[in-house]
Amino acid sequence: MAEEDRPDGPAADGDAVNELSAEVSQQAPDEGAERLAEESTETIVEVLQQVNPSTAQDLLASLPEERQQDVLAAAPESSRQWALNQTFPEGSVGRLMDPPIGVFSPDMTVGEVVEELRELVKGAFITYGYVVDAQGLLTGVVVMRDLLFAGRAQRLSDIMLRDPFSLTPQMPLRDAMRLVLNRHYPVYPVCDGGRLVGLVRGGVLFQEQAIEISAQPGAMVGVEKEERLSTPWPTSLKYRHPWLQLNLLTAFVAAGVVGAFQKTIDELVVLAVFLPVLAGQSGNTGCQALAVALRGMTLGELRPGRERALVMKEGLLGLLNGTLVGVTAGIGMFVVARAQGNPKALLLAVVVMLAMIGSCVVSGLSGALIPLTLKKLGADPATASSIFLTTATDVASMGLFLSLATILVL
């Protein structure tokens, strides 16, 4: 395998490029592109070749059109790979590919390969050699150890490892991570229909997965994954505010439920004390289910056909947890109502217990169903899932609690 560092040749001071690469990697694509636009075309090429391939494409797409063309013209080999990578879906292996380097014919001798490698290693770090036939189909991999001990007249077809492991460019990142988890190769070949189309570094795979996982908590509450600590406040405001408006709208829905039972609350003021108790408890129950569901999707544990089992499990856990905490909450209501001299203290305690059970069941089901629904609709399962979950749990807990109080107590 080969790790490509600078296929189009060095052009800028190494330390300066390293610092600039680290800087733009920590910024949103539009911010990083704005920073790069101040640099020379040669420096931009160096940076794009050094950062994560997915980051490089995002930065390139955010550059002004004229600068894009300059960069592509200055780095023909890289630009061909970037253009190919763009044809594959977001979050796929194809977005992370580097150009194939160290590619040889099976008829080449060890001596010929070694001489070619002497030139290649001047601009790239070669880990493996790839053997492809006339149609570009990957037929084998050669490791440096075998080249070292083989005779110079031997052909690669005699010493190569046949049927090598490879990834496909359309493969989702999480599927690729499951396949490479126990292999730990430095670089993986990527084949489309058996034809070698690129290489992806193991470190890049794990880095991209780490970025996706780290972005999940923010995505749950409407924080875009592009936002970083260095993101200017106007940009952060642009990213976050629309979701807060949505959250406010959904909060109005919950407030409307409470408003519909204003008469019940006026007659039984003690109910107001327990509204946040039910909302908080059911919300936590839903968040637990949501966290487990998202983790299962991220790690690939949720296989097709297992969705029903997940929903049923979270519903059952909601029922059991709701019963246990419902008894405790019911006792709390009984104590408070008796202290206020309410003659219906026991009935109010039953209402709280039943409402807690029902709201926890709904919350558990919602925590599993919301990410599944978002995924089915083609959206990121984590996107604003906490906002939708909060609405579901608030409406369920408050609506059920006040409905039962109206029916059973008044």
Protein backbone atom coordinates (compact mmCIF):
# COMPACT_ATOMS: atom_id res chain seq x y z
CA MET A 1 0.00 0.00 0.00
CA ALA A 2 1.03 3.57 -0.37
CA GLU A 3 0.46 6.68 1.61
CA GLU A 4 0.56 9.66 -0.69
CA ASP A 5 1.99 12.79 0.83
CA ARG A 6 2.87 15.07 -2.09
CA PRO A 7 2.29 13.47 -5.51
CA ASP A 8 2.61 16.79 -7.33
CA GLY A 9 5.83 17.81 -5.63
CA PRO A 10 6.76 20.03 -2.67
CA ALA A 11 6.06 23.73 -2.96
CA ALA A 12 6.12 25.43 0.45
CA ASP A 13 7.96 25.48 3.77
CA GLY A 14 7.13 22.29 5.64
CA ASP A 15 6.62 23.78 9.11
CA ALA A 16 4.41 26.57 7.81
CA VAL A 17 2.30 24.09 5.84
CA ASN A 18 1.96 21.83 8.88
CA GLU A 19 0.76 24.71 11.03
CA LEU A 20 -1.65 25.92 8.37
CA SER A 21 -2.99 22.39 7.81
CA ALA A 22 -3.67 21.96 11.52
CA GLU A 23 -5.36 25.36 11.63
CA VAL A 24 -7.78 24.83 8.75
CA SER A 25 -8.56 21.26 9.86
CA GLN A 26 -10.00 22.68 13.08
CA GLN A 27 -12.23 25.17 11.30
CA ALA A 28 -15.47 24.91 9.38
CA PRO A 29 -14.87 24.49 5.61
CA ASP A 30 -15.91 28.05 4.71
CA GLU A 31 -13.68 29.52 7.44
CA GLY A 32 -10.75 27.31 6.45
CA ALA A 33 -11.22 28.22 2.78
CA GLU A 34 -11.25 31.91 3.66
CA ARG A 35 -7.96 31.43 5.49
CA LEU A 36 -6.44 29.47 2.59
CA ALA A 37 -7.52 32.08 0.06
CA GLU A 38 -4.87 34.38 1.53
CA GLU A 39 -2.10 31.93 0.57
CA SER A 40 -0.40 31.13 -2.70
CA THR A 41 -1.76 28.42 -4.97
CA GLU A 42 1.27 26.23 -4.24
CA THR A 43 0.69 26.50 -0.50
CA ILE A 44 -3.00 25.66 -0.90
CA VAL A 45 -2.07 22.55 -2.87
CA GLU A 46 0.37 21.49 -0.14
CA VAL A 47 -2.27 21.93 2.55
CA LEU A 48 -4.98 20.07 0.64
CA GLN A 49 -2.64 17.16 0.05
CA GLN A 50 -1.75 16.99 3.72
CA VAL A 51 -5.16 17.18 5.40
CA ASN A 52 -7.78 14.44 5.54
CA PRO A 53 -9.04 13.83 1.94
CA SER A 54 -12.62 14.53 3.00
CA THR A 55 -11.53 17.82 4.57
CA ALA A 56 -9.53 18.66 1.44
CA GLN A 57 -12.60 18.32 -0.76
CA ASP A 58 -14.74 20.42 1.57
CA LEU A 59 -12.09 23.14 1.62
CA LEU A 60 -11.65 23.03 -2.14
CA ALA A 61 -15.39 23.31 -2.72
CA SER A 62 -15.52 26.36 -0.43
CA LEU A 63 -12.78 28.25 -2.27
CA PRO A 64 -13.72 30.92 -4.81
CA GLU A 65 -14.21 29.44 -8.28
CA GLU A 66 -11.12 31.12 -9.70
CA ARG A 67 -8.90 29.81 -6.91
CA GLN A 68 -10.37 26.34 -7.33
CA GLN A 69 -9.35 26.26 -10.97
CA ASP A 70 -5.85 27.47 -10.12
CA VAL A 71 -5.45 24.75 -7.50
CA LEU A 72 -6.75 22.01 -9.78
CA ALA A 73 -4.43 23.09 -12.58
CA ALA A 74 -1.43 23.12 -10.22
CA ALA A 75 -2.12 19.60 -8.91
CA PRO A 76 -3.34 17.48 -11.85
CA GLU A 77 -2.88 14.08 -10.21
CA SER A 78 -4.55 15.10 -6.97
CA SER A 79 -7.33 16.95 -8.80
CA ARG A 80 -8.27 13.79 -10.71
CA GLN A 81 -8.60 11.93 -7.43
CA TRP A 82 -10.57 14.74 -5.79
CA ALA A 83 -12.97 14.79 -8.75
CA LEU A 84 -13.44 11.02 -8.50
CA ASN A 85 -13.99 11.18 -4.75
CA GLN A 86 -16.75 13.74 -5.22
CA THR A 87 -18.79 11.19 -7.20
CA PHE A 88 -19.27 9.03 -4.11
CA PRO A 89 -21.82 9.64 -1.31
CA GLU A 90 -21.09 11.66 1.81
CA GLY A 91 -19.85 9.45 4.61
CA SER A 92 -18.53 6.78 2.24
CA VAL A 93 -15.04 5.34 1.87
CA GLY A 94 -14.76 6.88 -1.60
CA ARG A 95 -14.67 10.36 -0.06
CA LEU A 96 -11.48 9.47 1.83
CA MET A 97 -9.34 8.08 -0.99
CA ASP A 98 -5.83 9.09 -1.96
CA PRO A 99 -4.51 8.36 -5.48
CA PRO A 100 -3.05 4.84 -5.92
CA ILE A 101 0.75 4.86 -5.75
CA GLY A 102 3.06 1.88 -5.95
CA VAL A 103 1.01 0.13 -8.63
CA PHE A 104 2.79 -2.50 -10.72
CA SER A 105 2.18 -5.11 -13.38
CA PRO A 106 2.33 -8.82 -12.37
CA ASP A 107 4.91 -9.42 -15.10
CA MET A 108 7.41 -6.94 -13.66
CA THR A 109 10.47 -8.37 -12.00
CA VAL A 110 11.52 -7.61 -8.44
CA GLY A 111 14.53 -5.71 -9.77
CA GLU A 112 12.36 -3.49 -11.97
CA VAL A 113 9.99 -2.78 -9.08
CA VAL A 114 12.83 -1.89 -6.71
CA GLU A 115 14.27 0.58 -9.21
CA GLU A 116 10.86 2.21 -9.67
CA LEU A 117 10.36 2.35 -5.92
CA ARG A 118 13.63 4.24 -5.54
CA GLU A 119 12.01 7.12 -7.41
CA LEU A 120 8.56 6.83 -5.84
CA VAL A 121 9.80 7.02 -2.25
CA LYS A 122 11.24 10.47 -2.96
CA GLY A 123 7.69 11.87 -2.96
CA ALA A 124 5.59 9.31 -1.10
CA PHE A 125 5.79 6.84 1.75
CA ILE A 126 5.34 3.36 0.28
CA THR A 127 4.04 0.63 2.56
CA TYR A 128 2.79 -1.94 0.06
CA GLY A 129 2.96 -2.49 -3.66
CA TYR A 130 -0.24 -3.18 -5.59
CA VAL A 131 -0.35 -5.59 -8.49
CA VAL A 132 -2.99 -4.91 -11.16
CA ASP A 133 -3.67 -6.53 -14.51
CA ALA A 134 -4.10 -4.79 -17.86
CA GLN A 135 -7.68 -3.83 -17.00
CA GLY A 136 -6.65 -2.26 -13.70
CA LEU A 137 -8.11 -5.09 -11.61
CA LEU A 138 -6.33 -5.65 -8.31
CA THR A 139 -4.84 -9.13 -8.33
CA GLY A 140 -2.35 -9.02 -5.46
CA VAL A 141 -0.39 -7.08 -2.87
CA VAL A 142 3.37 -7.15 -2.33
CA VAL A 143 4.92 -6.37 1.05
CA MET A 144 8.40 -4.89 1.34
CA ARG A 145 9.72 -7.89 3.25
CA ASP A 146 8.98 -10.21 0.32
CA LEU A 147 10.65 -7.79 -2.08
CA LEU A 148 13.71 -7.71 0.16
CA PHE A 149 14.19 -11.47 0.23
CA ALA A 150 13.09 -12.28 -3.33
CA GLY A 151 15.50 -12.71 -6.21
CA ARG A 152 15.75 -9.74 -8.56
CA ALA A 153 14.69 -11.87 -11.51
CA GLN A 154 11.51 -13.15 -9.86
CA ARG A 155 8.21 -11.77 -11.11
CA LEU A 156 5.68 -10.11 -8.84
CA SER A 157 3.09 -12.74 -9.75
CA ASP A 158 5.33 -15.28 -7.96
CA ILE A 159 5.66 -13.43 -4.65
CA MET A 160 2.47 -11.37 -4.35
CA LEU A 161 -0.30 -12.11 -1.87
CA ARG A 162 -3.32 -13.09 -3.93
CA ASP A 163 -6.97 -12.15 -3.27
CA PRO A 164 -6.06 -9.19 -1.06
CA PHE A 165 -8.54 -7.57 1.28
CA SER A 166 -10.05 -4.36 -0.09
CA LEU A 167 -12.83 -1.85 0.55
CA THR A 168 -15.37 -0.48 -1.93
CA PRO A 169 -15.81 3.27 -2.50
CA GLN A 170 -19.59 3.18 -1.98
CA MET A 171 -19.21 1.49 1.41
CA PRO A 172 -20.45 3.60 4.38
CA LEU A 173 -17.75 4.55 6.83
CA ARG A 174 -19.32 2.61 9.71
CA ASP A 175 -19.38 -0.59 7.60
CA ALA A 176 -15.73 -0.11 6.68
CA MET A 177 -14.81 0.40 10.33
CA ARG A 178 -16.35 -2.95 11.26
CA LEU A 179 -14.33 -4.69 8.53
CA VAL A 180 -10.96 -3.13 9.40
CA LEU A 181 -11.37 -3.21 13.18
CA ASN A 182 -9.25 -6.33 13.63
CA ARG A 183 -6.90 -5.83 10.67
CA HIS A 184 -5.01 -2.65 11.56
CA TYR A 185 -3.38 -2.24 8.13
CA PRO A 186 -1.65 1.12 7.56
CA VAL A 187 -3.40 1.55 4.20
CA TYR A 188 -6.29 -0.20 2.46
CA PRO A 189 -6.89 -0.57 -1.29
CA VAL A 190 -10.27 0.62 -2.55
CA CYS A 191 -11.70 -1.26 -5.52
CA ASP A 192 -14.76 -0.48 -7.61
CA GLY A 193 -15.86 -3.61 -9.42
CA GLY A 194 -12.44 -5.08 -8.70
CA ARG A 195 -10.61 -2.13 -10.29
CA LEU A 196 -8.19 -0.27 -8.03
CA VAL A 197 -9.45 3.32 -7.78
CA GLY A 198 -7.72 4.63 -4.67
CA LEU A 199 -6.11 4.04 -1.31
CA VAL A 200 -7.42 4.99 2.11
CA ARG A 201 -5.19 5.33 5.15
CA GLY A 202 -6.21 3.49 8.30
CA GLY A 203 -5.53 6.60 10.35
CA VAL A 204 -7.90 8.61 8.14
CA LEU A 205 -10.68 6.06 8.64
CA PHE A 206 -10.39 6.23 12.42
CA GLN A 207 -10.03 10.01 12.38
CA GLU A 208 -13.18 10.43 10.31
CA GLN A 209 -15.10 8.04 12.55
CA ALA A 210 -13.92 9.93 15.62
CA ILE A 211 -15.14 13.19 14.08
CA GLU A 212 -18.54 11.69 13.35
CA ILE A 213 -18.89 10.32 16.87
CA SER A 214 -17.76 13.58 18.48
CA ALA A 215 -20.34 15.46 16.40
CA GLN A 216 -23.27 13.33 17.59
CA PRO A 217 -23.94 15.07 20.94
CA GLY A 218 -24.02 18.43 19.20
CA ALA A 219 -26.20 17.17 16.35
CA MET A 220 -28.74 15.94 18.89
CA VAL A 221 -29.37 19.51 20.02
CA GLY A 222 -28.94 21.28 16.70
CA VAL A 223 -25.21 22.08 16.69
CA GLU A 224 -23.73 21.60 13.22
CA LYS A 225 -20.71 19.32 13.02
CA GLU A 226 -18.83 22.08 11.18
CA GLU A 227 -18.83 24.25 14.30
CA ARG A 228 -15.58 24.20 16.27
CA LEU A 229 -14.16 26.09 19.25
CA SER A 230 -12.50 28.50 16.84
CA THR A 231 -15.73 29.24 14.94
CA PRO A 232 -16.55 33.00 15.13
CA TRP A 233 -19.68 33.86 17.08
CA PRO A 234 -21.64 35.16 14.03
CA THR A 235 -21.17 31.81 12.32
CA SER A 236 -22.08 29.90 15.49
CA LEU A 237 -25.21 32.02 15.79
CA LYS A 238 -26.14 31.18 12.19
CA TYR A 239 -25.66 27.47 12.87
CA ARG A 240 -27.51 27.31 16.18
CA HIS A 241 -30.33 29.85 16.07
CA PRO A 242 -32.66 28.11 13.57
CA TRP A 243 -32.71 25.02 15.77
CA LEU A 244 -33.50 27.12 18.83
CA GLN A 245 -36.44 28.61 16.99
CA LEU A 246 -37.62 25.08 16.20
CA ASN A 247 -37.14 24.12 19.84
CA LEU A 248 -39.24 27.13 20.88
CA LEU A 249 -41.97 26.10 18.47
CA THR A 250 -42.07 22.60 19.89
CA ALA A 251 -42.06 24.03 23.42
CA PHE A 252 -45.22 25.96 22.49
CA VAL A 253 -46.81 22.61 21.69
CA ALA A 254 -46.09 21.35 25.21
CA ALA A 255 -47.26 24.67 26.67
CA GLY A 256 -50.48 24.31 24.68
CA VAL A 257 -51.12 20.95 26.31
CA VAL A 258 -50.72 22.47 29.76
CA GLY A 259 -52.91 25.42 28.79
CA ALA A 260 -55.69 23.08 27.72
CA PHE A 261 -55.88 21.85 31.33
CA GLN A 262 -55.66 25.24 33.00
CA LYS A 263 -58.92 24.65 34.86
CA THR A 264 -57.61 21.37 36.29
CA ILE A 265 -54.42 23.05 37.51
CA ASP A 266 -56.44 25.91 39.06
CA GLU A 267 -58.49 23.44 41.09
CA LEU A 268 -55.56 21.15 41.94
CA VAL A 269 -52.57 23.44 42.36
CA VAL A 270 -50.49 20.59 43.76
CA LEU A 271 -50.33 19.17 40.23
CA ALA A 272 -48.05 22.04 39.18
CA VAL A 273 -45.44 20.82 41.65
CA PHE A 274 -45.15 17.47 39.88
CA LEU A 275 -45.26 18.63 36.25
CA PRO A 276 -41.46 19.20 36.06
CA VAL A 277 -40.91 15.91 37.93
CA LEU A 278 -42.71 13.91 35.26
CA ALA A 279 -41.19 15.88 32.39
CA GLY A 280 -37.66 15.46 33.74
CA GLN A 281 -38.00 11.75 34.52
CA SER A 282 -39.60 10.85 31.21
CA GLY A 283 -37.05 13.01 29.39
CA ASN A 284 -34.16 11.13 30.98
CA THR A 285 -35.78 7.81 30.10
CA GLY A 286 -36.07 8.89 26.48
CA CYS A 287 -32.48 10.15 26.37
CA GLN A 288 -31.22 6.78 27.61
CA ALA A 289 -33.09 4.99 24.83
CA LEU A 290 -31.89 7.55 22.29
CA ALA A 291 -28.26 7.18 23.35
CA VAL A 292 -28.38 3.39 23.03
CA ALA A 293 -30.11 3.55 19.63
CA LEU A 294 -27.60 6.06 18.23
CA ARG A 295 -24.68 4.07 19.55
CA GLY A 296 -26.01 0.90 17.95
CA MET A 297 -26.41 2.66 14.61
CA THR A 298 -22.94 4.21 14.79
CA LEU A 299 -21.23 0.93 15.65
CA GLY A 300 -23.28 -1.05 13.12
CA GLU A 301 -24.87 -3.19 15.83
CA LEU A 302 -28.39 -2.40 14.63
CA ARG A 303 -28.74 -4.76 11.69
CA PRO A 304 -31.67 -4.67 9.25
CA GLY A 305 -34.69 -6.41 10.75
CA ARG A 306 -33.62 -5.69 14.33
CA GLU A 307 -35.47 -2.39 14.58
CA ARG A 308 -38.63 -3.96 16.00
CA ALA A 309 -36.64 -5.72 18.72
CA LEU A 310 -35.00 -2.42 19.69
CA VAL A 311 -38.33 -0.62 19.95
CA MET A 312 -39.90 -3.43 21.98
CA LYS A 313 -36.94 -3.55 24.35
CA GLU A 314 -37.00 0.19 25.01
CA GLY A 315 -40.77 0.07 25.52
CA LEU A 316 -40.37 -2.72 28.07
CA LEU A 317 -37.59 -0.87 29.88
CA GLY A 318 -39.78 2.22 29.94
CA LEU A 319 -42.59 0.19 31.52
CA LEU A 320 -40.33 -1.36 34.18
CA ASN A 321 -38.44 1.82 35.01
CA GLY A 322 -41.65 3.82 34.94
CA THR A 323 -43.27 1.44 37.42
CA LEU A 324 -40.36 1.64 39.84
CA VAL A 325 -39.98 5.42 39.74
CA GLY A 326 -43.77 5.79 39.56
CA VAL A 327 -44.15 4.16 42.97
CA THR A 328 -41.59 6.55 44.43
CA ALA A 329 -43.21 9.57 42.76
CA GLY A 330 -46.64 8.41 43.95
CA ILE A 331 -45.41 8.27 47.52
CA GLY A 332 -44.01 11.77 47.10
CA MET A 333 -47.37 13.06 45.83
CA PHE A 334 -49.20 11.37 48.69
CA VAL A 335 -46.94 13.02 51.28
CA VAL A 336 -47.25 16.48 49.70
CA ALA A 337 -51.02 16.24 49.21
CA ARG A 338 -51.59 15.01 52.78
CA ALA A 339 -49.40 17.81 54.11
CA GLN A 340 -51.70 20.27 52.30
CA GLY A 341 -54.76 18.56 53.72
CA ASN A 342 -56.03 17.34 50.36
CA PRO A 343 -58.69 14.63 50.91
CA LYS A 344 -57.83 12.99 47.59
CA ALA A 345 -54.16 12.45 48.39
CA LEU A 346 -54.25 8.71 47.68
CA LEU A 347 -56.03 9.17 44.36
CA LEU A 348 -53.53 11.85 43.36
CA ALA A 349 -50.71 9.45 44.21
CA VAL A 350 -52.24 6.84 41.89
CA VAL A 351 -52.54 9.45 39.14
CA VAL A 352 -48.85 10.34 39.44
CA MET A 353 -47.82 6.69 39.40
CA LEU A 354 -49.91 5.87 36.31
CA ALA A 355 -48.76 9.02 34.51
CA MET A 356 -45.13 8.20 35.28
CA ILE A 357 -45.50 4.68 33.92
CA GLY A 358 -47.24 5.82 30.76
CA SER A 359 -44.88 8.71 30.06
CA CYS A 360 -41.78 6.53 30.55
CA VAL A 361 -43.16 3.95 28.13
CA VAL A 362 -43.82 6.66 25.53
CA SER A 363 -40.38 8.15 26.15
CA GLY A 364 -38.60 4.83 25.72
CA LEU A 365 -40.46 4.16 22.49
CA SER A 366 -39.76 7.69 21.24
CA GLY A 367 -36.06 7.40 22.03
CA ALA A 368 -35.85 4.41 19.72
CA LEU A 369 -38.33 5.49 17.05
CA ILE A 370 -37.06 9.04 16.45
CA PRO A 371 -33.55 8.10 15.19
CA LEU A 372 -35.00 5.16 13.24
CA THR A 373 -37.49 7.49 11.57
CA LEU A 374 -34.84 10.10 10.76
CA LYS A 375 -32.64 7.41 9.23
CA LYS A 376 -35.53 6.07 7.15
CA LEU A 377 -36.16 9.59 5.85
CA GLY A 378 -32.52 9.80 4.76
CA ALA A 379 -31.43 12.23 7.50
CA ASP A 380 -28.67 11.84 10.07
CA PRO A 381 -30.32 9.92 12.95
CA ALA A 382 -28.74 12.30 15.45
CA THR A 383 -29.95 15.51 13.77
CA ALA A 384 -31.98 17.49 16.34
CA SER A 385 -33.17 14.18 17.79
CA SER A 386 -33.04 15.59 21.32
CA ILE A 387 -35.34 18.46 20.30
CA PHE A 388 -37.93 16.08 18.86
CA LEU A 389 -37.57 13.76 21.84
CA THR A 390 -38.10 16.58 24.33
CA THR A 391 -41.33 17.54 22.58
CA ALA A 392 -42.60 13.97 22.60
CA THR A 393 -41.77 13.38 26.25
CA ASP A 394 -43.15 16.72 27.46
CA VAL A 395 -46.41 16.31 25.59
CA ALA A 396 -46.79 12.70 26.73
CA SER A 397 -45.94 13.27 30.39
CA MET A 398 -47.89 16.48 30.92
CA GLY A 399 -50.82 15.48 28.74
CA LEU A 400 -51.20 12.08 30.38
CA PHE A 401 -50.75 13.45 33.90
CA LEU A 402 -53.32 16.22 33.52
CA SER A 403 -55.74 14.01 31.61
CA LEU A 404 -55.73 11.37 34.34
CA ALA A 405 -56.14 14.02 37.02
CA THR A 406 -59.11 15.50 35.17
CA ILE A 407 -60.78 12.12 34.66
CA LEU A 408 -60.03 10.43 38.01
CA VAL A 409 -59.85 13.26 40.52
CA LEU A 410 -62.19 16.05 39.40
